[in-house]
Amino acid sequence: MNVLVIDGDKTHDWSAIFKDATVTLRARPKKMFRKKPSGGVDEKSPKEKGEDKDASSKSAEEEEKSSSPSTVKCSISVTQVGWNCIHATSYANDYNGVGHVQMTVKDVRGRVQNLRPDFVLIRNECRGSGKSHDYRDILYAMIHAGIPSVNSLESVALHLERPIIHGALVKLERKLGPHAFPIVQQTCYATYKDMVIAPSFPCVVKVGHAHAGQGKILVHDSKQFEDIKSVVAIADTYCSAENFVVGAHDLRIQKIGSHVRVFKRQTVSGNWKTNTGTSVCETMEVTDTYRRWAEEASTIFGGLDICTVDAIHCARTGKEYIIEVNGTSSGLHPDYWKEDSERIRDVALRRIESDVFAYV
């Protein structure tokens, strides 16, 4: 069982996390191709031929079914790589009727190898702020082959664009109500030409898809808003504008499987972006509200095994607002990295047992 872990951080040893792990897979018999006779004349009628074919097919299937085990126990082999070290091709269905990706990878230890992954665990974003960090083509090749993963490859693709994430949160807010699931109000402009009606000020303008505090500008008035339009024009992309909340601190509600952990992050550098610069991070009590936010957020895009909800605590009103939801590449606190990585491993093993078959 080949598990590909996409994590370019050399300090993270996923082989050690998965060491001695095994899975019990449901077994499926391989499809049997039978050669046609090379010569001779078949005197049977088409009806008789059909009856013989059905009978032989049934007997072959019954024989295969009776001789094949129902489950197979497999060990786990882990290959850890970064996105920039993968070359991938998705081929048509093989003799098992399963599409697959053939990869050439250079792992974090510098070894080059050919690999056909059975399962993928994604821990890094495949797209950064610049054009040099854009590996969506590799993601699309894996989606093409239908490889099982944590989180699902489709959810990873949907998480690449801010408007798609916010649209999913809007649906949850409409379903649960703004009191139960309060999100920051946001306006989306498709292009710089559409930036005609400005939101209330001050506001935060977020240019394009960038994350981790990049592409975010605090705008105080209409003059600054006009200046930002030229920046969006150069970027040639969409942008969003949301109400600026003066944050006493921000919250990160982390959900791995059924386990929920809450972190409070408070800036000590004076940066208005409470999740950047120097900050103090500490754990908080997991309240019913925080747990519900995480559980509801984990339902978007067909379900997220790993997700984090980022929220902000308003210094003026004491109210809290959800800003965004992150997926499978959500970072882990260094103090809890090993413990939470083992939880991620357990989630991946459960997914492997439910989504991967052994062909015997």
Protein backbone atom coordinates (compact mmCIF):
# COMPACT_ATOMS: atom_id res chain seq x y z
CA MET A 1 0.00 0.00 0.00
CA ASN A 2 1.77 3.13 -1.29
CA VAL A 3 0.83 6.33 0.55
CA LEU A 4 2.08 9.62 -0.88
CA VAL A 5 2.37 12.40 1.70
CA ILE A 6 2.76 15.85 0.13
CA ASP A 7 4.71 17.80 2.75
CA GLY A 8 7.92 19.53 1.74
CA ASP A 9 9.02 20.27 5.32
CA LYS A 10 12.05 18.08 5.99
CA THR A 11 11.54 18.38 9.75
CA HIS A 12 8.25 16.47 9.42
CA ASP A 13 8.89 12.74 9.30
CA TRP A 14 5.71 11.07 8.10
CA SER A 15 7.44 7.71 7.66
CA ALA A 16 7.96 7.67 11.41
CA ILE A 17 4.33 8.68 12.04
CA PHE A 18 3.08 5.79 9.87
CA LYS A 19 5.70 3.30 11.09
CA ASP A 20 4.27 -0.23 11.61
CA ALA A 21 0.78 0.93 10.54
CA THR A 22 -1.38 -1.61 8.72
CA VAL A 23 -4.79 -1.53 7.07
CA THR A 24 -7.40 -4.16 6.32
CA LEU A 25 -8.73 -3.67 2.81
CA ARG A 26 -11.79 -5.09 1.12
CA ALA A 27 -10.73 -7.49 -1.62
CA ARG A 28 -11.93 -7.40 -5.21
CA PRO A 29 -11.06 -10.03 -7.83
CA LYS A 30 -9.11 -8.93 -10.87
CA LYS A 31 -10.98 -8.83 -14.16
CA MET A 32 -10.10 -11.80 -16.36
CA PHE A 33 -9.56 -11.33 -20.07
CA ARG A 34 -9.99 -14.49 -22.12
CA LYS A 35 -8.43 -14.88 -25.54
CA LYS A 36 -10.60 -15.62 -28.56
CA PRO A 37 -9.89 -18.92 -30.37
CA SER A 38 -7.33 -18.49 -33.15
CA GLY A 39 -9.17 -20.63 -35.70
CA GLY A 40 -11.92 -23.18 -36.37
CA VAL A 41 -15.61 -22.82 -37.13
CA ASP A 42 -18.23 -22.51 -34.42
CA GLU A 43 -21.34 -24.37 -35.50
CA LYS A 44 -23.51 -23.16 -32.61
CA SER A 45 -26.35 -20.75 -33.12
CA PRO A 46 -26.15 -17.19 -31.76
CA LYS A 47 -28.62 -18.16 -29.01
CA GLU A 48 -26.54 -21.17 -27.98
CA LYS A 49 -23.41 -19.06 -28.05
CA GLY A 50 -25.05 -16.54 -25.73
CA GLU A 51 -26.18 -19.26 -23.32
CA ASP A 52 -22.71 -20.80 -23.24
CA LYS A 53 -21.15 -17.39 -22.71
CA ASP A 54 -23.47 -16.57 -19.81
CA ALA A 55 -22.91 -19.98 -18.21
CA SER A 56 -19.11 -19.78 -18.50
CA SER A 57 -19.12 -16.20 -17.27
CA LYS A 58 -21.21 -17.10 -14.21
CA SER A 59 -19.11 -20.14 -13.39
CA ALA A 60 -15.90 -18.08 -13.70
CA GLU A 61 -17.31 -15.36 -11.46
CA GLU A 62 -18.47 -17.90 -8.88
CA GLU A 63 -15.09 -19.63 -8.96
CA GLU A 64 -13.27 -16.31 -8.54
CA LYS A 65 -15.58 -15.26 -5.72
CA SER A 66 -15.18 -18.52 -3.82
CA SER A 67 -11.39 -18.59 -4.18
CA SER A 68 -10.77 -14.91 -3.31
CA PRO A 69 -10.46 -13.66 0.29
CA SER A 70 -12.96 -11.03 1.46
CA THR A 71 -10.29 -8.86 3.11
CA VAL A 72 -6.55 -8.39 2.80
CA LYS A 73 -4.18 -6.98 5.43
CA CYS A 74 -1.58 -4.58 4.04
CA SER A 75 1.38 -2.69 5.42
CA ILE A 76 1.95 1.00 4.66
CA SER A 77 4.83 2.38 2.62
CA VAL A 78 5.17 6.18 2.86
CA THR A 79 6.84 8.50 0.36
CA GLN A 80 7.06 12.15 1.45
CA VAL A 81 7.60 14.85 -1.17
CA GLY A 82 6.93 18.51 -1.87
CA TRP A 83 4.73 19.64 -4.76
CA ASN A 84 7.79 20.94 -6.63
CA CYS A 85 9.32 17.45 -6.75
CA ILE A 86 6.50 15.63 -8.55
CA HIS A 87 6.04 14.75 -12.22
CA ALA A 88 2.75 12.98 -12.88
CA THR A 89 0.81 11.30 -15.69
CA SER A 90 -2.70 9.90 -15.29
CA TYR A 91 -3.24 6.82 -17.45
CA ALA A 92 -6.43 5.17 -18.65
CA ASN A 93 -7.94 2.28 -16.71
CA ASP A 94 -5.65 -0.69 -16.18
CA TYR A 95 -6.66 -4.36 -16.23
CA ASN A 96 -8.36 -3.89 -12.84
CA GLY A 97 -10.58 -1.17 -14.28
CA VAL A 98 -8.84 1.44 -12.13
CA GLY A 99 -7.29 4.67 -13.38
CA HIS A 100 -3.90 5.46 -11.93
CA VAL A 101 -1.19 8.08 -11.77
CA GLN A 102 2.40 7.18 -12.52
CA MET A 103 4.80 9.59 -10.83
CA THR A 104 8.46 10.37 -10.78
CA VAL A 105 9.24 12.00 -7.44
CA LYS A 106 12.20 13.30 -5.52
CA ASP A 107 11.46 12.73 -1.84
CA VAL A 108 12.55 14.96 1.06
CA ARG A 109 15.71 12.86 1.43
CA GLY A 110 16.72 13.54 -2.17
CA ARG A 111 15.95 10.08 -3.57
CA VAL A 112 14.40 9.93 -7.04
CA GLN A 113 11.94 7.10 -7.64
CA ASN A 114 8.99 6.01 -9.75
CA LEU A 115 5.79 5.73 -7.76
CA ARG A 116 2.19 4.68 -8.26
CA PRO A 117 0.35 5.96 -5.16
CA ASP A 118 -2.73 4.18 -3.84
CA PHE A 119 -3.61 7.04 -1.51
CA VAL A 120 -2.56 10.67 -1.02
CA LEU A 121 -2.31 12.75 2.16
CA ILE A 122 -1.95 16.45 1.33
CA ARG A 123 -0.34 18.74 3.91
CA ASN A 124 0.86 21.64 1.70
CA GLU A 125 -1.01 24.10 -0.50
CA CYS A 126 -0.49 23.34 -4.17
CA ARG A 127 -0.82 27.01 -5.08
CA GLY A 128 0.95 29.98 -3.52
CA SER A 129 0.78 33.69 -4.17
CA GLY A 130 3.18 33.73 -7.16
CA LYS A 131 3.20 31.97 -10.52
CA SER A 132 6.30 29.97 -9.57
CA HIS A 133 4.31 28.21 -6.83
CA ASP A 134 1.42 26.78 -8.82
CA TYR A 135 1.14 23.00 -9.01
CA ARG A 136 -2.52 22.69 -9.88
CA ASP A 137 -1.59 20.61 -12.93
CA ILE A 138 -0.35 17.84 -10.62
CA LEU A 139 -3.51 18.08 -8.52
CA TYR A 140 -5.64 17.82 -11.67
CA ALA A 141 -3.76 14.71 -12.83
CA MET A 142 -4.52 13.02 -9.50
CA ILE A 143 -8.18 14.06 -9.73
CA HIS A 144 -8.26 12.64 -13.28
CA ALA A 145 -7.18 9.24 -11.93
CA GLY A 146 -9.67 9.30 -9.05
CA ILE A 147 -7.05 8.67 -6.36
CA PRO A 148 -8.52 8.54 -2.82
CA SER A 149 -7.09 11.15 -0.48
CA VAL A 150 -7.37 13.20 2.71
CA ASN A 151 -8.97 15.63 2.26
CA SER A 152 -10.69 14.77 -1.01
CA LEU A 153 -8.82 16.08 -4.04
CA GLU A 154 -11.99 17.85 -5.19
CA SER A 155 -12.19 19.77 -1.90
CA VAL A 156 -8.51 20.74 -2.24
CA ALA A 157 -9.26 22.18 -5.69
CA LEU A 158 -12.27 24.12 -4.39
CA HIS A 159 -10.21 25.55 -1.52
CA LEU A 160 -7.91 27.30 -3.99
CA GLU A 161 -10.25 30.26 -4.53
CA ARG A 162 -11.58 32.66 -1.87
CA PRO A 163 -15.04 33.30 -3.41
CA ILE A 164 -15.78 29.57 -3.47
CA ILE A 165 -14.90 29.19 0.22
CA HIS A 166 -16.92 32.25 1.20
CA GLY A 167 -19.89 31.07 -0.86
CA ALA A 168 -19.90 27.79 1.09
CA LEU A 169 -19.86 29.76 4.36
CA VAL A 170 -22.74 31.95 3.17
CA LYS A 171 -24.83 28.81 2.62
CA LEU A 172 -24.10 27.67 6.17
CA GLU A 173 -25.01 31.08 7.56
CA ARG A 174 -28.34 31.00 5.70
CA LYS A 175 -29.00 27.49 6.96
CA LEU A 176 -28.07 28.07 10.63
CA GLY A 177 -28.72 31.78 11.01
CA PRO A 178 -26.25 34.65 11.57
CA HIS A 179 -26.37 34.24 15.34
CA ALA A 180 -25.38 30.58 15.25
CA PHE A 181 -22.87 30.93 12.41
CA PRO A 182 -21.74 34.58 12.11
CA ILE A 183 -19.45 35.29 9.16
CA VAL A 184 -17.71 38.53 8.24
CA GLN A 185 -19.72 40.39 5.61
CA GLN A 186 -17.87 40.45 2.31
CA THR A 187 -18.22 41.97 -1.17
CA CYS A 188 -16.64 40.29 -4.21
CA TYR A 189 -15.57 42.24 -7.32
CA ALA A 190 -14.99 40.12 -10.42
CA THR A 191 -12.51 42.65 -11.89
CA TYR A 192 -11.14 46.10 -11.05
CA LYS A 193 -13.76 47.57 -13.41
CA ASP A 194 -16.48 46.37 -11.06
CA MET A 195 -15.06 48.25 -8.06
CA VAL A 196 -17.61 51.04 -8.37
CA ILE A 197 -19.58 50.92 -5.13
CA ALA A 198 -17.20 50.85 -2.20
CA PRO A 199 -18.10 49.09 1.06
CA SER A 200 -18.18 50.91 4.39
CA PHE A 201 -14.78 52.01 5.69
CA PRO A 202 -12.44 50.93 7.05
CA CYS A 203 -12.37 47.68 5.11
CA VAL A 204 -9.90 44.95 4.20
CA VAL A 205 -9.34 44.32 0.50
CA LYS A 206 -8.04 40.86 -0.39
CA VAL A 207 -6.57 40.53 -3.87
CA GLY A 208 -7.00 37.18 -5.61
CA HIS A 209 -6.49 33.78 -4.02
CA ALA A 210 -3.41 34.44 -1.85
CA HIS A 211 -3.45 33.26 1.75
CA ALA A 212 -1.37 33.54 4.97
CA GLY A 213 -1.86 37.31 5.14
CA GLN A 214 -0.61 38.00 1.61
CA GLY A 215 -2.51 40.25 -0.77
CA LYS A 216 -4.45 41.93 2.08
CA ILE A 217 -4.64 45.72 2.38
CA LEU A 218 -6.36 47.81 5.05
CA VAL A 219 -8.29 50.61 3.30
CA HIS A 220 -9.45 53.64 5.33
CA ASP A 221 -11.29 55.80 2.79
CA SER A 222 -12.53 56.13 -0.79
CA LYS A 223 -9.26 57.64 -2.02
CA GLN A 224 -7.31 54.60 -0.92
CA PHE A 225 -10.01 52.41 -2.43
CA GLU A 226 -9.43 54.10 -5.80
CA ASP A 227 -5.70 53.46 -5.48
CA ILE A 228 -6.28 49.78 -4.77
CA LYS A 229 -8.24 49.46 -8.02
CA SER A 230 -5.01 50.01 -9.96
CA VAL A 231 -3.31 47.24 -7.98
CA VAL A 232 -6.16 44.84 -8.75
CA ALA A 233 -5.93 45.86 -12.43
CA ILE A 234 -2.23 44.93 -12.52
CA ALA A 235 -2.94 41.63 -10.77
CA ASP A 236 -5.69 40.95 -13.36
CA THR A 237 -7.85 39.01 -10.92
CA TYR A 238 -10.86 39.29 -8.65
CA CYS A 239 -10.77 40.83 -5.20
CA SER A 240 -12.96 40.92 -2.11
CA ALA A 241 -13.63 43.61 0.47
CA GLU A 242 -14.87 42.90 3.98
CA ASN A 243 -15.63 44.95 7.07
CA PHE A 244 -12.53 45.59 9.18
CA VAL A 245 -12.92 44.18 12.66
CA VAL A 246 -10.52 45.54 15.27
CA GLY A 247 -9.37 42.28 16.76
CA ALA A 248 -8.49 41.75 20.39
CA HIS A 249 -7.28 38.35 19.23
CA ASP A 250 -8.07 35.78 16.60
CA LEU A 251 -9.18 32.18 16.96
CA ARG A 252 -8.18 29.03 15.15
CA ILE A 253 -10.57 26.14 15.68
CA GLN A 254 -8.86 22.98 14.50
CA LYS A 255 -10.76 19.79 13.68
CA ILE A 256 -9.01 16.51 12.86
CA GLY A 257 -11.50 13.69 12.54
CA SER A 258 -13.75 14.15 15.56
CA HIS A 259 -11.10 15.86 17.71
CA VAL A 260 -11.40 19.64 18.14
CA ARG A 261 -8.78 22.01 19.53
CA VAL A 262 -9.03 25.81 19.89
CA PHE A 263 -6.13 28.28 19.78
CA LYS A 264 -6.13 31.95 20.74
CA ARG A 265 -3.59 34.08 18.91
CA GLN A 266 -2.80 37.61 20.09
CA THR A 267 -0.37 39.89 18.29
CA VAL A 268 2.49 41.48 20.22
CA SER A 269 3.97 43.25 17.19
CA GLY A 270 1.08 45.67 16.69
CA ASN A 271 0.20 44.29 13.25
CA TRP A 272 -3.47 44.69 12.36
CA LYS A 273 -3.29 41.22 10.83
CA THR A 274 -3.56 39.25 14.05
CA ASN A 275 -2.39 36.03 12.38
CA THR A 276 0.90 37.46 11.10
CA GLY A 277 4.00 38.89 12.71
CA THR A 278 4.95 38.04 16.28
CA SER A 279 2.08 36.65 18.30
CA VAL A 280 1.35 34.66 21.42
CA CYS A 281 -0.62 31.46 20.87
CA GLU A 282 -2.37 29.54 23.62
CA THR A 283 -5.05 26.88 23.83
CA MET A 284 -8.60 27.69 24.89
CA GLU A 285 -11.59 25.74 26.13
CA VAL A 286 -13.55 24.01 23.38
CA THR A 287 -17.00 25.51 23.89
CA ASP A 288 -20.17 24.13 22.34
CA THR A 289 -20.20 27.12 19.97
CA TYR A 290 -16.67 26.52 18.72
CA ARG A 291 -17.31 22.81 18.31
CA ARG A 292 -20.43 23.46 16.28
CA TRP A 293 -18.61 25.94 14.04
CA ALA A 294 -15.96 23.32 13.30
CA GLU A 295 -18.47 20.52 12.76
CA GLU A 296 -20.60 22.61 10.40
CA ALA A 297 -17.56 23.90 8.50
CA SER A 298 -16.32 20.33 8.01
CA THR A 299 -19.45 19.55 5.95
CA ILE A 300 -18.57 21.84 3.04
CA PHE A 301 -17.25 20.52 -0.29
CA GLY A 302 -18.54 17.02 0.38
CA GLY A 303 -16.93 16.77 3.82
CA LEU A 304 -13.52 17.69 5.27
CA ASP A 305 -11.62 15.23 7.47
CA ILE A 306 -9.17 18.00 8.38
CA CYS A 307 -10.14 21.66 8.64
CA THR A 308 -9.62 24.84 10.63
CA VAL A 309 -12.03 27.70 11.19
CA ASP A 310 -10.39 31.12 11.48
CA ALA A 311 -12.37 33.69 13.46
CA ILE A 312 -11.76 37.06 15.08
CA HIS A 313 -12.81 38.44 18.47
CA CYS A 314 -13.87 42.08 18.14
CA ALA A 315 -12.11 44.30 20.69
CA ARG A 316 -14.96 46.83 20.70
CA THR A 317 -18.06 44.65 20.95
CA GLY A 318 -16.76 41.30 22.20
CA LYS A 319 -18.52 39.56 19.31
CA GLU A 320 -16.80 36.89 17.25
CA TYR A 321 -16.96 36.48 13.48
CA ILE A 322 -15.88 33.63 11.22
CA ILE A 323 -13.43 34.79 8.55
CA GLU A 324 -12.57 31.65 6.59
CA VAL A 325 -12.17 27.88 6.60
CA ASN A 326 -8.92 26.11 5.70
CA GLY A 327 -8.64 22.53 4.53
CA THR A 328 -6.17 19.68 4.55
CA SER A 329 -3.03 21.87 4.49
CA SER A 330 -3.92 23.57 7.79
CA GLY A 331 -0.76 24.05 9.83
CA LEU A 332 -0.28 22.44 13.24
CA HIS A 333 0.98 24.06 16.44
CA PRO A 334 4.60 22.96 17.06
CA ASP A 335 3.82 21.91 20.64
CA TYR A 336 1.11 19.53 19.42
CA TRP A 337 2.59 18.51 16.06
CA LYS A 338 3.33 14.87 16.90
CA GLU A 339 0.03 14.31 18.71
CA ASP A 340 -2.06 15.92 15.97
CA SER A 341 -0.05 14.25 13.19
CA GLU A 342 -0.90 10.88 14.73
CA ARG A 343 -4.56 11.91 14.62
CA ILE A 344 -4.15 12.79 10.95
CA ARG A 345 -2.52 9.39 10.39
CA ASP A 346 -5.50 7.65 12.03
CA VAL A 347 -7.92 9.64 9.85
CA ALA A 348 -5.94 8.64 6.75
CA LEU A 349 -5.89 4.96 7.75
CA ARG A 350 -9.68 4.97 8.19
CA ARG A 351 -10.07 6.60 4.78
CA ILE A 352 -7.78 4.04 3.19
CA GLU A 353 -9.84 1.17 4.62
CA SER A 354 -13.09 2.73 3.37
CA ASP A 355 -11.95 3.99 -0.05
CA VAL A 356 -9.16 1.67 -1.26
CA PHE A 357 -9.59 -1.90 -2.51
CA ALA A 358 -7.07 -4.73 -2.69
CA TYR A 359 -7.20 -6.55 -6.05
CA VAL A 360 -6.48 -10.25 -5.69
